[in-house]
């Protein structure tokens, strides 16, 4: 992360805080408080917040503090639909256009996931996983397609993380990606589309399940807070 700009480093830290639930959906992000906590000025923090706003992780509000975004289930379902189509098309094009070095690099990412599966932090494993999908999109050698993929990958970052930790197992993390690499190495567009489908076809359902559960928990917390605030004091 040393080669990143300061706003990008701050954005990365905030992104991880959102993934870990330190910053939860609907929570306001106070510029002064967070700048003091991170030991930075408010200017790069403000730029970092704008980065995350473009990714859909943070919602900007006029004359008010930004908040961690609360996407609707319909929005998530639509975005997953686009991401899945883009990933499959990227895989097909990569079968035609990826260099041997790019295929080897993807295989190395899978090997890293396999080697570190039992010891690595969930956020770090997720970041490695997403780097695989980003690299596959780049291997398609279609810049507009890679940009679209990056946009929707960012928008679904937190939702996809929540789904990933709910269903984390070696088969899903290692074997699925291995099958994708094998199909890519064979230059088999039909096989890679099928392998990506096995890996991602249930993504929308997985995400909706965890988001629905989170919404229910948030609603229950709000109800308990309201009950506590309206309970008369005993004398």
Protein backbone atom coordinates (compact mmCIF):
# COMPACT_ATOMS: atom_id res chain seq x y z
CA UNK A 1 0.00 0.00 0.00
CA UNK A 2 3.07 2.25 0.15
CA UNK A 3 2.66 3.31 -3.49
CA UNK A 4 -0.91 4.52 -2.94
CA UNK A 5 -1.78 8.16 -2.43
CA UNK A 6 -2.85 9.18 1.06
CA UNK A 7 -6.54 9.46 0.09
CA UNK A 8 -6.36 5.97 -1.44
CA UNK A 9 -4.77 4.60 1.75
CA UNK A 10 -7.49 6.22 3.85
CA UNK A 11 -10.17 4.88 1.51
CA UNK A 12 -8.69 1.39 1.88
CA UNK A 13 -8.85 1.62 5.67
CA UNK A 14 -12.44 2.90 5.61
CA UNK A 15 -13.37 0.17 3.14
CA UNK A 16 -11.98 -2.45 5.50
CA UNK A 17 -13.82 -0.87 8.44
CA UNK A 18 -17.03 -1.15 6.45
CA UNK A 19 -16.33 -4.81 5.65
CA UNK A 20 -15.56 -5.62 9.27
CA UNK A 21 -18.69 -3.86 10.51
CA UNK A 22 -16.81 -1.16 12.38
CA UNK A 23 -18.73 1.24 10.15
CA UNK A 24 -22.21 -0.20 9.68
CA UNK A 25 -24.89 0.66 7.10
CA UNK A 26 -26.54 3.97 7.92
CA UNK A 27 -23.76 5.04 10.28
CA UNK A 28 -22.59 8.62 9.76
CA UNK A 29 -18.92 9.31 9.06
CA UNK A 30 -17.80 12.40 10.94
CA UNK A 31 -14.91 14.00 9.11
CA UNK A 32 -13.32 15.57 12.17
CA UNK A 33 -13.61 12.47 14.36
CA UNK A 34 -12.26 10.10 11.71
CA UNK A 35 -9.48 12.49 10.69
CA UNK A 36 -8.34 12.74 14.32
CA UNK A 37 -8.56 8.97 14.77
CA UNK A 38 -6.45 8.31 11.67
CA UNK A 39 -4.01 11.14 12.32
CA UNK A 40 -4.68 12.85 9.00
CA UNK A 41 -6.12 16.17 7.90
CA UNK A 42 -9.72 16.49 6.76
CA UNK A 43 -8.78 17.19 3.12
CA UNK A 44 -7.43 13.70 2.23
CA UNK A 45 -10.19 12.14 4.33
CA UNK A 46 -12.75 14.06 2.31
CA UNK A 47 -11.12 12.82 -0.91
CA UNK A 48 -11.18 9.25 0.43
CA UNK A 49 -14.88 9.56 1.19
CA UNK A 50 -15.48 10.70 -2.38
CA UNK A 51 -13.62 7.62 -3.64
CA UNK A 52 -15.89 5.35 -1.61
CA UNK A 53 -18.95 7.31 -2.72
CA UNK A 54 -18.12 6.56 -6.36
CA UNK A 55 -17.89 2.88 -5.36
CA UNK A 56 -21.33 3.03 -3.77
CA UNK A 57 -20.06 2.23 -0.28
CA UNK A 58 -20.75 5.70 1.09
CA UNK A 59 -23.68 8.02 0.46
CA UNK A 60 -22.99 11.76 0.31
CA UNK A 61 -25.63 14.08 1.77
CA UNK A 62 -25.90 17.87 1.26
CA UNK A 63 -24.95 19.82 4.40
CA UNK A 64 -24.85 16.61 6.46
CA UNK A 65 -22.26 13.97 7.27
CA UNK A 66 -21.96 11.15 4.73
CA UNK A 67 -23.27 7.76 5.78
CA UNK A 68 -22.41 4.16 4.98
CA UNK A 69 -24.74 3.22 2.14
CA UNK A 70 -27.82 1.07 2.67
CA UNK A 71 -28.50 -0.56 -0.72
CA UNK A 72 -31.94 -1.98 -1.44
CA UNK A 73 -32.37 -5.66 -2.19
CA UNK A 74 -33.65 -4.79 -5.69
CA UNK A 75 -30.55 -2.68 -6.33
CA UNK A 76 -28.26 -5.50 -5.22
CA UNK A 77 -30.09 -8.08 -7.33
CA UNK A 78 -29.82 -5.88 -10.42
CA UNK A 79 -26.13 -5.21 -9.85
CA UNK A 80 -25.34 -8.90 -9.33
CA UNK A 81 -27.13 -9.66 -12.60
CA UNK A 82 -24.87 -7.23 -14.45
CA UNK A 83 -21.71 -8.44 -12.68
CA UNK A 84 -22.43 -12.06 -13.49
CA UNK A 85 -22.96 -11.30 -17.19
CA UNK A 86 -19.76 -9.24 -17.30
CA UNK A 87 -17.69 -11.91 -15.53
CA UNK A 88 -18.85 -14.62 -17.93
CA UNK A 89 -18.15 -12.46 -20.98
CA UNK A 90 -14.75 -11.54 -19.55
CA UNK A 91 -13.93 -15.21 -19.13
CA UNK A 92 -14.93 -16.01 -22.70
CA UNK A 93 -12.83 -13.17 -24.11
CA UNK A 94 -9.90 -14.07 -21.86
CA UNK A 95 -9.90 -17.55 -23.39
CA UNK A 96 -9.16 -15.88 -26.72
CA UNK A 97 -6.90 -13.06 -25.59
CA UNK A 98 -5.17 -13.76 -22.27
CA UNK A 99 -1.42 -14.21 -22.44
CA UNK A 100 0.24 -17.25 -20.90
CA UNK A 101 1.77 -14.92 -18.31
CA UNK A 102 -1.70 -13.66 -17.32
CA UNK A 103 -2.96 -17.23 -16.97
CA UNK A 104 0.06 -18.07 -14.80
CA UNK A 105 -0.60 -14.99 -12.66
CA UNK A 106 -4.19 -16.09 -12.08
CA UNK A 107 -2.96 -19.56 -11.13
CA UNK A 108 -0.56 -17.97 -8.63
CA UNK A 109 -3.45 -16.09 -7.00
CA UNK A 110 -5.33 -19.38 -6.58
CA UNK A 111 -2.20 -20.99 -5.11
CA UNK A 112 -1.93 -18.11 -2.63
CA UNK A 113 -5.55 -18.62 -1.58
CA UNK A 114 -4.89 -22.33 -1.13
CA UNK A 115 -1.70 -21.80 0.89
CA UNK A 116 -3.24 -19.19 3.18
CA UNK A 117 -6.79 -20.53 3.46
CA UNK A 118 -6.47 -21.80 7.03
CA UNK A 119 -4.50 -18.88 8.46
CA UNK A 120 -5.40 -15.66 6.68
CA UNK A 121 -7.79 -12.99 7.94
CA UNK A 122 -11.22 -13.09 6.25
CA UNK A 123 -10.88 -9.57 4.84
CA UNK A 124 -7.44 -10.31 3.38
CA UNK A 125 -8.69 -13.55 1.81
CA UNK A 126 -11.63 -11.68 0.31
CA UNK A 127 -9.32 -9.04 -1.14
CA UNK A 128 -7.17 -11.75 -2.75
CA UNK A 129 -10.31 -13.41 -4.10
CA UNK A 130 -11.50 -10.14 -5.65
CA UNK A 131 -8.05 -9.55 -7.14
CA UNK A 132 -8.53 -12.81 -9.04
CA UNK A 133 -11.81 -11.63 -10.56
CA UNK A 134 -10.35 -8.23 -11.40
CA UNK A 135 -7.34 -9.88 -13.07
CA UNK A 136 -9.63 -12.14 -15.10
CA UNK A 137 -11.54 -9.09 -16.32
CA UNK A 138 -8.26 -7.42 -17.30
CA UNK A 139 -7.19 -10.57 -19.17
CA UNK A 140 -10.14 -10.06 -21.52
CA UNK A 141 -8.24 -7.09 -22.96
CA UNK A 142 -11.38 -5.00 -23.34
CA UNK A 143 -10.96 -1.79 -21.37
CA UNK A 144 -14.64 -0.71 -21.31
CA UNK A 145 -15.60 -4.19 -20.10
CA UNK A 146 -12.93 -4.08 -17.37
CA UNK A 147 -14.18 -0.65 -16.28
CA UNK A 148 -17.76 -1.89 -16.03
CA UNK A 149 -16.56 -4.92 -14.07
CA UNK A 150 -14.58 -2.71 -11.69
CA UNK A 151 -17.58 -0.44 -11.12
CA UNK A 152 -19.95 -3.24 -10.19
CA UNK A 153 -17.31 -5.13 -8.22
CA UNK A 154 -16.89 -1.99 -6.10
CA UNK A 155 -20.62 -1.45 -5.65
CA UNK A 156 -21.08 -5.02 -4.42
CA UNK A 157 -17.89 -5.07 -2.34
CA UNK A 158 -19.48 -5.22 1.09
CA UNK A 159 -22.46 -7.37 0.08
CA UNK A 160 -20.19 -9.87 -1.63
CA UNK A 161 -17.92 -9.99 1.41
CA UNK A 162 -20.85 -10.77 3.71
CA UNK A 163 -21.94 -13.59 1.42
CA UNK A 164 -18.37 -14.90 1.14
CA UNK A 165 -17.82 -15.22 4.90
CA UNK A 166 -21.18 -16.99 5.30
CA UNK A 167 -20.16 -19.70 2.81
CA UNK A 168 -16.41 -19.80 3.15
CA UNK A 169 -15.05 -23.26 2.45
CA UNK A 170 -12.07 -24.63 0.57
CA UNK A 171 -14.13 -25.95 -2.33
CA UNK A 172 -15.71 -22.57 -3.00
CA UNK A 173 -12.52 -20.56 -2.51
CA UNK A 174 -9.91 -22.85 -4.06
CA UNK A 175 -11.57 -25.49 -6.24
CA UNK A 176 -13.95 -23.13 -8.04
CA UNK A 177 -11.14 -20.77 -8.98
CA UNK A 178 -8.96 -23.70 -10.03
CA UNK A 179 -11.64 -24.86 -12.47
CA UNK A 180 -11.80 -21.34 -13.93
CA UNK A 181 -8.02 -21.29 -14.45
CA UNK A 182 -8.06 -24.80 -15.95
CA UNK A 183 -10.70 -23.75 -18.48
CA UNK A 184 -8.74 -20.60 -19.27
CA UNK A 185 -5.53 -22.57 -19.79
CA UNK A 186 -7.41 -24.90 -22.16
CA UNK A 187 -8.83 -21.86 -23.97
CA UNK A 188 -12.29 -23.40 -23.53
CA UNK A 189 -14.90 -20.62 -23.56
CA UNK A 190 -17.80 -22.99 -22.87
CA UNK A 191 -16.02 -24.53 -19.87
CA UNK A 192 -15.01 -21.20 -18.38
CA UNK A 193 -18.54 -19.85 -18.65
CA UNK A 194 -19.78 -22.97 -16.86
CA UNK A 195 -17.07 -22.72 -14.18
CA UNK A 196 -17.88 -19.07 -13.50
CA UNK A 197 -21.56 -20.01 -13.34
CA UNK A 198 -20.91 -22.70 -10.73
CA UNK A 199 -18.95 -20.15 -8.71
CA UNK A 200 -21.34 -17.21 -9.01
CA UNK A 201 -24.82 -18.30 -10.12
CA UNK A 202 -26.09 -18.35 -6.51
CA UNK A 203 -24.40 -15.07 -5.58
CA UNK A 204 -27.60 -13.02 -5.70
CA UNK A 205 -29.40 -15.45 -3.40
CA UNK A 206 -26.48 -15.56 -0.98
CA UNK A 207 -26.22 -11.78 -0.83
CA UNK A 208 -29.97 -11.24 -0.46
CA UNK A 209 -30.06 -13.77 2.40
CA UNK A 210 -27.37 -11.98 4.41
CA UNK A 211 -28.68 -8.48 3.63
CA UNK A 212 -32.23 -9.47 4.61
CA UNK A 213 -30.87 -10.86 7.88
CA UNK A 214 -28.88 -7.68 8.46
CA UNK A 215 -31.92 -5.46 7.80
CA UNK A 216 -33.96 -7.53 10.26
CA UNK A 217 -31.25 -7.23 12.92
CA UNK A 218 -30.98 -3.48 12.36
CA UNK A 219 -34.74 -3.12 12.69
CA UNK A 220 -34.74 -5.15 15.92
CA UNK A 221 -31.92 -2.99 17.32
CA UNK A 222 -33.89 0.17 16.47
CA UNK A 223 -37.01 -1.25 18.16
CA UNK A 224 -35.05 -2.09 21.31
CA UNK A 225 -33.57 1.40 21.33
CA UNK A 226 -37.01 2.96 20.98
CA UNK A 227 -38.39 0.76 23.80
CA UNK A 228 -35.50 1.77 26.06
CA UNK A 229 -35.96 5.48 25.33
CA UNK A 230 -39.73 5.40 25.94
CA UNK A 231 -39.64 3.31 29.14
CA UNK A 232 -40.51 5.61 32.07
CA UNK A 233 -37.97 5.91 34.82
CA UNK A 234 -38.85 4.22 38.09
CA UNK A 235 -38.62 6.32 41.22
